[in-house]
Protein backbone atom coordinates (compact mmCIF):
# COMPACT_ATOMS: atom_id res chain seq x y z
CA MET A 1 15.69 44.12 10.22
CA LYS A 2 15.73 43.21 6.38
CA LYS A 3 16.60 39.84 6.81
CA THR A 4 13.93 39.53 9.43
CA CYS A 5 11.33 40.82 7.00
CA ILE A 6 12.48 38.62 3.84
CA SER A 7 12.52 35.54 6.34
CA LEU A 8 8.86 36.46 7.55
CA ALA A 9 7.34 37.00 3.85
CA THR A 10 8.88 33.66 2.94
CA LEU A 11 7.53 31.77 5.51
CA LEU A 12 4.06 33.38 4.98
CA LEU A 13 4.55 32.72 0.96
CA ALA A 14 5.23 28.81 2.28
CA SER A 15 2.45 28.65 4.54
CA LEU A 16 -0.09 29.92 1.84
CA PHE A 17 1.27 27.50 -0.71
CA SER A 18 1.15 24.99 1.65
CA VAL A 19 -2.42 25.19 2.70
CA SER A 20 -3.74 25.51 -0.98
CA ALA A 21 -1.91 22.42 -1.69
CA MET A 22 -3.58 20.34 0.80
CA ALA A 23 -7.01 21.25 -1.00
CA LYS A 24 -8.88 17.83 -1.13
CA LEU A 25 -9.52 16.94 -4.78
CA PRO A 26 -12.76 15.34 -5.90
CA ALA A 27 -13.59 11.59 -6.71
CA PRO A 28 -12.14 10.14 -10.17
CA SER A 29 -14.72 9.51 -12.57
CA ASP A 30 -15.73 6.21 -13.89
CA GLU A 31 -14.42 6.79 -17.29
CA ALA A 32 -11.06 8.65 -15.34
CA LYS A 33 -10.82 5.07 -13.09
CA ALA A 34 -10.91 3.15 -16.26
CA LYS A 35 -8.48 5.13 -17.76
CA ALA A 36 -6.12 4.74 -15.12
CA ALA A 37 -6.79 1.09 -15.21
CA GLU A 38 -5.62 1.00 -18.56
CA ALA A 39 -2.57 2.85 -18.16
CA ALA A 40 -1.55 0.61 -15.09
CA ALA A 41 -2.23 -2.88 -17.54
CA LYS A 42 -0.21 -1.19 -20.26
CA THR A 43 2.54 -0.81 -18.03
CA ALA A 44 2.70 -3.79 -16.41
CA HIS A 45 2.82 -5.11 -20.24
CA GLY A 46 5.74 -3.07 -21.50
CA ASN A 47 7.36 -4.69 -17.73
CA LYS A 48 6.77 -8.04 -18.92
CA VAL A 49 8.02 -7.11 -22.24
CA ALA A 50 11.31 -5.82 -20.64
CA ASP A 51 11.46 -8.52 -18.74
CA TYR A 52 11.38 -11.14 -21.41
CA GLN A 53 14.04 -9.47 -23.28
CA LEU A 54 16.35 -9.09 -20.81
CA CYS A 55 16.16 -12.72 -20.26
CA LYS A 56 16.82 -13.51 -23.80
CA SER A 57 19.76 -10.65 -23.53
CA ARG A 58 21.13 -12.97 -20.53
CA GLU A 59 20.47 -16.14 -22.31
CA LYS A 60 22.30 -14.93 -25.38
CA VAL A 61 25.66 -13.61 -23.14
CA ALA A 62 25.93 -17.05 -21.21
CA ALA A 63 25.80 -18.59 -24.70
CA HIS A 64 28.37 -16.29 -26.24
CA TYR A 65 30.57 -16.96 -22.72
CA TYR A 66 30.33 -20.75 -22.79
CA LYS A 67 31.02 -20.71 -26.45
CA THR A 68 34.27 -18.84 -26.24
CA ALA A 69 35.53 -20.14 -23.04
CA LYS A 70 35.32 -23.24 -24.64
CA ALA A 71 37.35 -22.24 -28.01
CA THR A 72 40.19 -21.03 -25.44
CA GLY A 73 39.94 -23.74 -23.26
CA LYS A 74 39.19 -22.23 -19.76
CA PRO A 75 37.52 -24.41 -17.31
CA THR A 76 33.80 -23.04 -16.80
CA THR A 77 31.43 -24.38 -13.93
CA PRO A 78 27.92 -25.92 -15.79
CA PRO A 79 25.11 -23.20 -16.15
CA VAL A 80 22.72 -22.98 -13.63
CA ALA A 81 19.42 -23.94 -14.29
CA THR A 82 16.91 -21.15 -14.87
CA PRO A 83 13.10 -21.08 -16.06
CA ALA A 84 12.83 -20.59 -19.69
CA CYS A 85 12.13 -17.40 -20.94
CA ALA A 86 8.48 -16.42 -21.04
CA ASP A 87 7.30 -14.25 -24.17
CA PRO A 88 4.07 -11.96 -23.08
CA GLY A 89 3.22 -12.07 -26.52
CA ALA A 90 1.42 -8.64 -28.22
CA TYR A 91 -0.67 -6.14 -25.96
CA VAL A 92 -4.20 -7.27 -25.59
CA ALA A 93 -6.72 -4.83 -23.97
CA ALA A 94 -9.34 -5.74 -21.57
CA PRO A 95 -13.01 -5.90 -23.09
CA THR A 96 -15.28 -2.95 -21.33
CA ALA A 97 -18.67 -3.32 -20.59
CA PRO A 98 -21.12 -2.28 -23.29
CA ALA A 99 -22.70 0.84 -22.54
CA VAL A 100 -26.73 0.87 -21.96
CA ALA A 101 -27.00 4.30 -23.78
CA ALA A 102 -25.72 2.80 -26.53
CA ALA A 103 -28.36 0.56 -27.01
CA PRO A 104 -30.41 0.89 -30.40
CA ALA A 105 -33.60 3.28 -30.92
CA ALA A 106 -35.04 0.63 -32.67
CA ALA A 107 -35.47 -1.50 -29.94
CA LYS A 108 -38.78 0.00 -28.57
CA PRO A 109 -42.19 -1.34 -29.86
CA GLY A 110 -43.62 0.38 -32.67
CA ALA A 111 -40.70 2.66 -33.46
CA ALA A 112 -39.38 2.31 -37.09
CA PRO A 113 -35.71 1.39 -37.96
CA ALA A 114 -33.25 3.63 -38.16
CA ALA A 115 -31.98 4.48 -41.64
CA PRO A 116 -28.04 4.43 -41.75
CA ALA A 117 -25.99 7.32 -42.05
CA ALA A 118 -24.60 8.13 -45.25
CA PRO A 119 -20.65 8.04 -45.43
CA ALA A 120 -18.87 11.65 -44.99
CA LYS A 121 -17.62 13.33 -47.53
CA LYS A 122 -13.65 13.89 -48.62
CA SER A 123 -12.72 17.10 -48.99
């Protein structure tokens, strides 16, 4: 009887948690979508850098192998032609579209130009 109660309680708790897990989340905002796209771009660039580093290390290992094999007189097969390692360079963030709200207030006709803000004092 005790096992049945424990099993029933476990089943009840599991069903409650599964129902709460199926709740629909709200759609992500434009800012969240932009952050996700930026994160994906950074990850893709990181993968390109890792591929480049792997390619360079393979070339280094192959060069060492052929050098030592030639020095010891071991027969080797000619190296297989592979594409050159392409350096992806430094990560550059994609430019974003300027916000419309960032337009200066002085652009309105008849408005006086805004005074520049004073720099903040260091404490």
